[in-house]
Amino acid sequence: MKVVVQRVSRASVTVDGETVSSIGRGLLLLVGVARGDTRAQADWLAEKISGLRIFEDAAGRMNLSVRDVGGEILAVSQFTLLADTRKGKRPSFVNAAPPGEAEPLFDYFCGRLREKGLRVGTGVFGAMMEVGLVNSGPVTVILER
């Protein structure tokens, strides 16, 4: 699994002109599920992300997690994170898990975040989505497991 974590002051997902999910201060997660990824990887990533100290404390240091600041999470499934661009100019997505494998693991991952007391919104799996965000900092971290 690969997750692009962006600290945001707000983010939203729109499908067919309708906002399906939005958050205020928190994290936008772009989540790529690869073939053969497991629940153990999702567990590790959920634990890491829920405690990732990328929010500033009163002294301006990144010492606080999304839980510490009462932030929200917007998770968006994005198979294109698994693009293989080593050959040619057209990306290959053979490393991405097929929808029947990816969607249950993505849902499991989101559930694990919710179990940690976080409010988690999502996009619509497999839909053409427009993701809007205001990256705060900017702060962007890439996690892989």
N, C-alpha and C. Protein backbone atom coordinates (compact mmCIF):
# COMPACT_ATOMS: atom_id res chain seq x y z
N MET A 1 0.85 -1.19 0.00
CA MET A 1 0.00 0.00 0.00
C MET A 1 0.89 1.23 0.00
N LYS A 2 0.41 2.22 -0.69
CA LYS A 2 1.10 3.50 -0.74
C LYS A 2 0.08 4.59 -0.40
N VAL A 3 0.47 5.51 0.50
CA VAL A 3 -0.43 6.58 0.89
C VAL A 3 0.31 7.92 0.81
N VAL A 4 -0.27 8.84 0.08
CA VAL A 4 0.22 10.22 0.06
C VAL A 4 -0.61 10.96 1.11
N VAL A 5 0.07 11.49 2.11
CA VAL A 5 -0.57 12.18 3.23
C VAL A 5 -0.35 13.68 3.05
N GLN A 6 -1.43 14.44 2.98
CA GLN A 6 -1.31 15.89 2.87
C GLN A 6 -2.03 16.54 4.03
N ARG A 7 -1.30 17.41 4.74
CA ARG A 7 -1.91 18.18 5.81
C ARG A 7 -2.72 19.30 5.16
N VAL A 8 -4.00 19.37 5.50
CA VAL A 8 -4.87 20.34 4.84
C VAL A 8 -5.63 21.20 5.84
N SER A 9 -6.00 22.40 5.38
CA SER A 9 -6.92 23.21 6.18
C SER A 9 -8.36 22.90 5.78
N ARG A 10 -8.52 22.35 4.55
CA ARG A 10 -9.81 21.82 4.11
C ARG A 10 -9.60 21.00 2.84
N ALA A 11 -10.52 20.06 2.62
CA ALA A 11 -10.47 19.22 1.43
C ALA A 11 -11.87 18.69 1.14
N SER A 12 -12.11 18.37 -0.13
CA SER A 12 -13.42 17.84 -0.51
C SER A 12 -13.29 16.96 -1.74
N VAL A 13 -14.30 16.13 -1.93
CA VAL A 13 -14.40 15.26 -3.11
C VAL A 13 -15.76 15.50 -3.76
N THR A 14 -15.71 15.72 -5.07
CA THR A 14 -16.93 15.95 -5.84
C THR A 14 -17.04 14.88 -6.92
N VAL A 15 -18.25 14.34 -7.08
CA VAL A 15 -18.54 13.36 -8.13
C VAL A 15 -19.77 13.86 -8.89
N ASP A 16 -19.64 13.98 -10.20
CA ASP A 16 -20.74 14.46 -11.04
C ASP A 16 -21.31 15.78 -10.54
N GLY A 17 -20.43 16.68 -10.12
CA GLY A 17 -20.85 18.01 -9.68
C GLY A 17 -21.41 18.08 -8.28
N GLU A 18 -21.46 16.96 -7.56
CA GLU A 18 -22.00 16.92 -6.20
C GLU A 18 -20.91 16.58 -5.20
N THR A 19 -20.79 17.39 -4.15
CA THR A 19 -19.82 17.12 -3.10
C THR A 19 -20.27 15.89 -2.31
N VAL A 20 -19.43 14.85 -2.29
CA VAL A 20 -19.79 13.62 -1.59
C VAL A 20 -19.13 13.53 -0.22
N SER A 21 -18.07 14.31 0.00
CA SER A 21 -17.41 14.32 1.30
C SER A 21 -16.53 15.55 1.40
N SER A 22 -16.44 16.10 2.60
CA SER A 22 -15.56 17.24 2.83
C SER A 22 -15.10 17.25 4.28
N ILE A 23 -13.94 17.84 4.50
CA ILE A 23 -13.39 17.97 5.85
C ILE A 23 -12.83 19.37 6.04
N GLY A 24 -12.64 19.73 7.29
CA GLY A 24 -11.91 20.93 7.64
C GLY A 24 -10.46 20.55 7.89
N ARG A 25 -9.88 21.09 8.94
CA ARG A 25 -8.48 20.81 9.27
C ARG A 25 -8.25 19.32 9.46
N GLY A 26 -7.20 18.81 8.82
CA GLY A 26 -6.90 17.39 8.97
C GLY A 26 -5.97 16.88 7.91
N LEU A 27 -6.24 15.66 7.46
CA LEU A 27 -5.37 14.99 6.49
C LEU A 27 -6.17 14.51 5.29
N LEU A 28 -5.65 14.79 4.11
CA LEU A 28 -6.15 14.18 2.89
C LEU A 28 -5.23 13.00 2.60
N LEU A 29 -5.81 11.82 2.45
CA LEU A 29 -5.04 10.61 2.16
C LEU A 29 -5.39 10.12 0.77
N LEU A 30 -4.40 10.03 -0.10
CA LEU A 30 -4.55 9.39 -1.40
C LEU A 30 -3.99 7.99 -1.22
N VAL A 31 -4.81 6.97 -1.41
CA VAL A 31 -4.46 5.61 -1.03
C VAL A 31 -4.40 4.70 -2.25
N GLY A 32 -3.24 4.10 -2.46
CA GLY A 32 -3.06 3.14 -3.54
C GLY A 32 -2.90 1.74 -2.98
N VAL A 33 -3.71 0.82 -3.44
CA VAL A 33 -3.64 -0.58 -3.00
C VAL A 33 -3.01 -1.40 -4.11
N ALA A 34 -1.92 -2.08 -3.79
CA ALA A 34 -1.20 -2.91 -4.75
C ALA A 34 -1.67 -4.36 -4.67
N ARG A 35 -1.43 -5.10 -5.74
CA ARG A 35 -1.73 -6.54 -5.75
C ARG A 35 -1.03 -7.20 -4.56
N GLY A 36 -1.76 -8.01 -3.84
CA GLY A 36 -1.16 -8.77 -2.74
C GLY A 36 -1.04 -8.02 -1.43
N ASP A 37 -1.48 -6.75 -1.37
CA ASP A 37 -1.43 -6.03 -0.10
C ASP A 37 -2.33 -6.72 0.92
N THR A 38 -2.00 -6.54 2.20
CA THR A 38 -2.68 -7.28 3.27
C THR A 38 -3.25 -6.36 4.33
N ARG A 39 -4.09 -6.95 5.17
CA ARG A 39 -4.65 -6.20 6.30
C ARG A 39 -3.56 -5.76 7.27
N ALA A 40 -2.50 -6.55 7.39
CA ALA A 40 -1.40 -6.17 8.27
C ALA A 40 -0.77 -4.86 7.81
N GLN A 41 -0.64 -4.69 6.51
CA GLN A 41 -0.11 -3.43 5.98
C GLN A 41 -1.07 -2.27 6.26
N ALA A 42 -2.36 -2.52 6.08
CA ALA A 42 -3.37 -1.50 6.37
C ALA A 42 -3.36 -1.13 7.85
N ASP A 43 -3.21 -2.12 8.72
CA ASP A 43 -3.13 -1.86 10.16
C ASP A 43 -1.95 -0.96 10.49
N TRP A 44 -0.78 -1.30 9.93
CA TRP A 44 0.44 -0.53 10.18
C TRP A 44 0.27 0.91 9.72
N LEU A 45 -0.27 1.09 8.52
CA LEU A 45 -0.47 2.44 7.97
C LEU A 45 -1.48 3.23 8.79
N ALA A 46 -2.56 2.61 9.22
CA ALA A 46 -3.56 3.31 10.04
C ALA A 46 -2.94 3.76 11.36
N GLU A 47 -2.15 2.92 11.96
CA GLU A 47 -1.47 3.28 13.21
C GLU A 47 -0.49 4.42 12.99
N LYS A 48 0.31 4.31 11.94
CA LYS A 48 1.31 5.33 11.63
C LYS A 48 0.64 6.68 11.36
N ILE A 49 -0.38 6.67 10.52
CA ILE A 49 -1.04 7.92 10.13
C ILE A 49 -1.77 8.56 11.30
N SER A 50 -2.44 7.77 12.12
CA SER A 50 -3.19 8.35 13.24
C SER A 50 -2.27 9.01 14.26
N GLY A 51 -1.02 8.57 14.32
CA GLY A 51 -0.08 9.15 15.28
C GLY A 51 1.00 10.03 14.66
N LEU A 52 0.94 10.20 13.33
CA LEU A 52 1.97 10.96 12.62
C LEU A 52 1.97 12.42 13.09
N ARG A 53 3.09 12.86 13.63
CA ARG A 53 3.17 14.20 14.23
C ARG A 53 3.60 15.23 13.17
N ILE A 54 2.60 15.72 12.42
CA ILE A 54 2.89 16.70 11.38
C ILE A 54 2.08 17.98 11.53
N PHE A 55 1.45 18.15 12.69
CA PHE A 55 0.76 19.40 13.00
C PHE A 55 1.58 20.17 14.02
N GLU A 56 1.55 21.48 13.91
CA GLU A 56 2.38 22.32 14.77
C GLU A 56 1.78 22.50 16.16
N ASP A 57 2.68 22.51 17.14
CA ASP A 57 2.29 22.82 18.51
C ASP A 57 2.38 24.33 18.72
N ALA A 58 2.21 24.78 19.96
CA ALA A 58 2.23 26.22 20.26
C ALA A 58 3.57 26.86 19.94
N ALA A 59 4.64 26.07 19.94
CA ALA A 59 5.98 26.59 19.64
C ALA A 59 6.29 26.54 18.14
N GLY A 60 5.33 26.08 17.33
CA GLY A 60 5.55 26.03 15.89
C GLY A 60 6.29 24.79 15.41
N ARG A 61 6.45 23.80 16.27
CA ARG A 61 7.14 22.56 15.90
C ARG A 61 6.12 21.49 15.55
N MET A 62 6.47 20.63 14.61
CA MET A 62 5.58 19.53 14.24
C MET A 62 5.66 18.45 15.31
N ASN A 63 4.79 18.57 16.31
CA ASN A 63 4.76 17.65 17.44
C ASN A 63 3.40 17.03 17.68
N LEU A 64 2.38 17.42 16.89
CA LEU A 64 1.03 16.97 17.16
C LEU A 64 0.49 16.12 16.01
N SER A 65 -0.34 15.15 16.36
CA SER A 65 -0.96 14.27 15.37
C SER A 65 -2.35 14.79 15.02
N VAL A 66 -2.95 14.17 14.02
CA VAL A 66 -4.32 14.53 13.64
C VAL A 66 -5.27 14.28 14.81
N ARG A 67 -5.01 13.26 15.61
CA ARG A 67 -5.84 13.01 16.80
C ARG A 67 -5.66 14.12 17.81
N ASP A 68 -4.40 14.55 18.01
CA ASP A 68 -4.11 15.59 19.00
C ASP A 68 -4.83 16.90 18.70
N VAL A 69 -4.97 17.23 17.42
CA VAL A 69 -5.57 18.51 17.04
C VAL A 69 -7.07 18.39 16.75
N GLY A 70 -7.64 17.19 16.94
CA GLY A 70 -9.06 16.99 16.67
C GLY A 70 -9.38 17.10 15.20
N GLY A 71 -8.42 16.73 14.36
CA GLY A 71 -8.59 16.83 12.91
C GLY A 71 -9.40 15.70 12.31
N GLU A 72 -9.71 15.87 11.05
CA GLU A 72 -10.49 14.90 10.30
C GLU A 72 -9.62 14.28 9.20
N ILE A 73 -10.13 13.22 8.60
CA ILE A 73 -9.43 12.57 7.51
C ILE A 73 -10.38 12.43 6.32
N LEU A 74 -9.84 12.70 5.14
CA LEU A 74 -10.55 12.42 3.90
C LEU A 74 -9.67 11.45 3.13
N ALA A 75 -10.16 10.21 2.96
CA ALA A 75 -9.39 9.16 2.28
C ALA A 75 -9.98 8.93 0.89
N VAL A 76 -9.09 8.94 -0.11
CA VAL A 76 -9.51 8.77 -1.50
C VAL A 76 -8.68 7.65 -2.12
N SER A 77 -9.36 6.63 -2.62
CA SER A 77 -8.67 5.54 -3.29
C SER A 77 -8.10 6.05 -4.62
N GLN A 78 -6.82 5.75 -4.88
CA GLN A 78 -6.18 6.25 -6.10
C GLN A 78 -5.20 5.21 -6.63
N PHE A 79 -5.69 4.37 -7.54
CA PHE A 79 -4.86 3.30 -8.09
C PHE A 79 -3.67 3.83 -8.88
N THR A 80 -3.75 5.07 -9.37
CA THR A 80 -2.66 5.61 -10.19
C THR A 80 -1.37 5.81 -9.39
N LEU A 81 -1.44 5.74 -8.07
CA LEU A 81 -0.22 5.81 -7.26
C LEU A 81 0.70 4.61 -7.54
N LEU A 82 0.13 3.55 -8.08
CA LEU A 82 0.90 2.34 -8.36
C LEU A 82 1.43 2.32 -9.79
N ALA A 83 1.39 3.45 -10.49
CA ALA A 83 1.83 3.51 -11.89
C ALA A 83 3.30 3.11 -12.03
N ASP A 84 3.55 2.31 -13.05
CA ASP A 84 4.92 1.95 -13.42
C ASP A 84 5.25 2.74 -14.69
N THR A 85 6.20 3.65 -14.57
CA THR A 85 6.55 4.54 -15.69
C THR A 85 7.97 4.30 -16.19
N ARG A 86 8.53 3.14 -15.88
CA ARG A 86 9.91 2.88 -16.27
C ARG A 86 10.09 2.72 -17.77
N LYS A 87 9.07 2.26 -18.47
CA LYS A 87 9.19 2.04 -19.92
C LYS A 87 8.17 2.90 -20.66
N GLY A 88 8.60 3.49 -21.72
CA GLY A 88 7.69 4.25 -22.57
C GLY A 88 7.13 5.48 -21.90
N LYS A 89 6.08 6.00 -22.47
CA LYS A 89 5.47 7.24 -21.97
C LYS A 89 4.08 7.01 -21.38
N ARG A 90 3.55 5.81 -21.57
CA ARG A 90 2.23 5.50 -21.03
C ARG A 90 2.40 4.66 -19.78
N PRO A 91 1.85 5.11 -18.64
CA PRO A 91 2.00 4.35 -17.39
C PRO A 91 1.29 3.00 -17.47
N SER A 92 1.87 2.03 -16.80
CA SER A 92 1.25 0.72 -16.65
C SER A 92 0.71 0.63 -15.22
N PHE A 93 -0.45 0.03 -15.09
CA PHE A 93 -1.05 -0.09 -13.76
C PHE A 93 -1.19 -1.56 -13.34
N VAL A 94 -0.34 -2.42 -13.88
CA VAL A 94 -0.42 -3.85 -13.58
C VAL A 94 -0.14 -4.15 -12.11
N ASN A 95 0.54 -3.24 -11.41
CA ASN A 95 0.84 -3.46 -9.99
C ASN A 95 -0.33 -3.10 -9.08
N ALA A 96 -1.30 -2.36 -9.60
CA ALA A 96 -2.46 -1.98 -8.80
C ALA A 96 -3.37 -3.19 -8.60
N ALA A 97 -3.93 -3.29 -7.41
CA ALA A 97 -4.86 -4.38 -7.14
C ALA A 97 -6.14 -4.18 -7.95
N PRO A 98 -6.74 -5.26 -8.42
CA PRO A 98 -8.03 -5.13 -9.10
C PRO A 98 -9.09 -4.64 -8.11
N PRO A 99 -10.15 -4.01 -8.62
CA PRO A 99 -11.16 -3.43 -7.73
C PRO A 99 -11.70 -4.40 -6.67
N GLY A 100 -11.94 -5.66 -7.04
CA GLY A 100 -12.47 -6.62 -6.09
C GLY A 100 -11.55 -6.91 -4.92
N GLU A 101 -10.26 -6.66 -5.10
CA GLU A 101 -9.27 -6.84 -4.04
C GLU A 101 -9.01 -5.50 -3.33
N ALA A 102 -8.96 -4.42 -4.10
CA ALA A 102 -8.59 -3.11 -3.55
C ALA A 102 -9.68 -2.50 -2.68
N GLU A 103 -10.92 -2.58 -3.13
CA GLU A 103 -12.00 -1.90 -2.39
C GLU A 103 -12.18 -2.44 -0.97
N PRO A 104 -12.21 -3.77 -0.77
CA PRO A 104 -12.35 -4.26 0.60
C PRO A 104 -11.19 -3.84 1.50
N LEU A 105 -9.96 -3.81 0.96
CA LEU A 105 -8.82 -3.43 1.78
C LEU A 105 -8.84 -1.93 2.08
N PHE A 106 -9.25 -1.12 1.10
CA PHE A 106 -9.41 0.32 1.33
C PHE A 106 -10.46 0.56 2.42
N ASP A 107 -11.59 -0.13 2.34
CA ASP A 107 -12.65 0.02 3.36
C ASP A 107 -12.15 -0.42 4.73
N TYR A 108 -11.39 -1.51 4.77
CA TYR A 108 -10.82 -2.00 6.02
C TYR A 108 -9.90 -0.94 6.63
N PHE A 109 -9.03 -0.36 5.80
CA PHE A 109 -8.10 0.68 6.23
C PHE A 109 -8.87 1.87 6.83
N CYS A 110 -9.90 2.31 6.16
CA CYS A 110 -10.71 3.43 6.67
C CYS A 110 -11.37 3.06 8.00
N GLY A 111 -11.84 1.82 8.09
CA GLY A 111 -12.43 1.35 9.34
C GLY A 111 -11.44 1.35 10.48
N ARG A 112 -10.22 0.97 10.22
CA ARG A 112 -9.17 0.98 11.25
C ARG A 112 -8.91 2.41 11.75
N LEU A 113 -8.92 3.38 10.83
CA LEU A 113 -8.76 4.78 11.24
C LEU A 113 -9.93 5.23 12.11
N ARG A 114 -11.13 4.82 11.76
CA ARG A 114 -12.32 5.18 12.55
C ARG A 114 -12.24 4.58 13.95
N GLU A 115 -11.73 3.34 14.04
CA GLU A 115 -11.59 2.68 15.34
C GLU A 115 -10.64 3.44 16.25
N LYS A 116 -9.78 4.26 15.68
CA LYS A 116 -8.86 5.07 16.47
C LYS A 116 -9.49 6.40 16.88
N GLY A 117 -10.80 6.53 16.64
CA GLY A 117 -11.53 7.71 17.07
C GLY A 117 -11.52 8.86 16.08
N LEU A 118 -11.09 8.59 14.86
CA LEU A 118 -11.01 9.65 13.86
C LEU A 118 -12.27 9.70 13.00
N ARG A 119 -12.68 10.91 12.62
CA ARG A 119 -13.76 11.07 11.65
C ARG A 119 -13.14 10.92 10.28
N VAL A 120 -13.65 9.95 9.50
CA VAL A 120 -13.07 9.65 8.20
C VAL A 120 -14.15 9.73 7.13
N GLY A 121 -13.95 10.64 6.18
CA GLY A 121 -14.80 10.71 5.00
C GLY A 121 -14.06 10.06 3.85
N THR A 122 -14.80 9.67 2.82
CA THR A 122 -14.18 9.02 1.67
C THR A 122 -14.76 9.56 0.38
N GLY A 123 -14.04 9.29 -0.69
CA GLY A 123 -14.57 9.53 -2.02
C GLY A 123 -15.47 8.36 -2.39
N VAL A 124 -15.72 8.19 -3.69
CA VAL A 124 -16.53 7.08 -4.18
C VAL A 124 -15.60 6.15 -4.95
N PHE A 125 -15.44 4.95 -4.44
CA PHE A 125 -14.50 4.01 -5.03
C PHE A 125 -14.81 3.80 -6.50
N GLY A 126 -13.80 3.94 -7.35
CA GLY A 126 -13.93 3.68 -8.77
C GLY A 126 -14.56 4.79 -9.59
N ALA A 127 -15.02 5.85 -8.93
CA ALA A 127 -15.67 6.95 -9.66
C ALA A 127 -14.63 7.94 -10.16
N MET A 128 -15.01 8.72 -11.17
CA MET A 128 -14.20 9.85 -11.60
C MET A 128 -14.48 10.97 -10.60
N MET A 129 -13.46 11.34 -9.84
CA MET A 129 -13.62 12.30 -8.75
C MET A 129 -12.81 13.55 -9.00
N GLU A 130 -13.30 14.65 -8.48
CA GLU A 130 -12.52 15.89 -8.41
C GLU A 130 -12.20 16.12 -6.94
N VAL A 131 -10.92 16.21 -6.64
CA VAL A 131 -10.47 16.40 -5.27
C VAL A 131 -9.95 17.82 -5.13
N GLY A 132 -10.55 18.55 -4.22
CA GLY A 132 -10.10 19.91 -3.94
C GLY A 132 -9.46 19.95 -2.57
N LEU A 133 -8.37 20.72 -2.44
CA LEU A 133 -7.71 20.80 -1.15
C LEU A 133 -6.94 22.11 -1.01
N VAL A 134 -6.74 22.49 0.24
CA VAL A 134 -5.82 23.56 0.57
C VAL A 134 -4.76 22.91 1.45
N ASN A 135 -3.57 22.69 0.86
CA ASN A 135 -2.48 22.05 1.56
C ASN A 135 -1.89 23.06 2.52
N SER A 136 -1.85 22.71 3.79
CA SER A 136 -1.38 23.62 4.83
C SER A 136 0.10 23.39 5.06
N GLY A 137 0.89 24.38 4.77
CA GLY A 137 2.34 24.28 4.98
C GLY A 137 3.14 24.75 3.79
N PRO A 138 3.19 24.06 2.72
CA PRO A 138 2.58 22.75 2.47
C PRO A 138 3.33 21.62 3.17
N VAL A 139 2.56 20.63 3.60
CA VAL A 139 3.14 19.43 4.19
C VAL A 139 2.57 18.22 3.45
N THR A 140 3.47 17.44 2.83
CA THR A 140 3.09 16.23 2.12
C THR A 140 4.11 15.14 2.48
N VAL A 141 3.60 13.97 2.87
CA VAL A 141 4.45 12.84 3.26
C VAL A 141 3.96 11.61 2.51
N ILE A 142 4.88 10.80 2.02
CA ILE A 142 4.51 9.57 1.34
C ILE A 142 4.91 8.38 2.23
N LEU A 143 3.94 7.51 2.47
CA LEU A 143 4.16 6.32 3.28
C LEU A 143 3.92 5.08 2.44
N GLU A 144 4.78 4.09 2.60
CA GLU A 144 4.62 2.82 1.89
C GLU A 144 4.85 1.69 2.85
N ARG A 145 4.06 0.66 2.69
CA ARG A 145 4.23 -0.53 3.55
C ARG A 145 3.88 -1.74 2.74
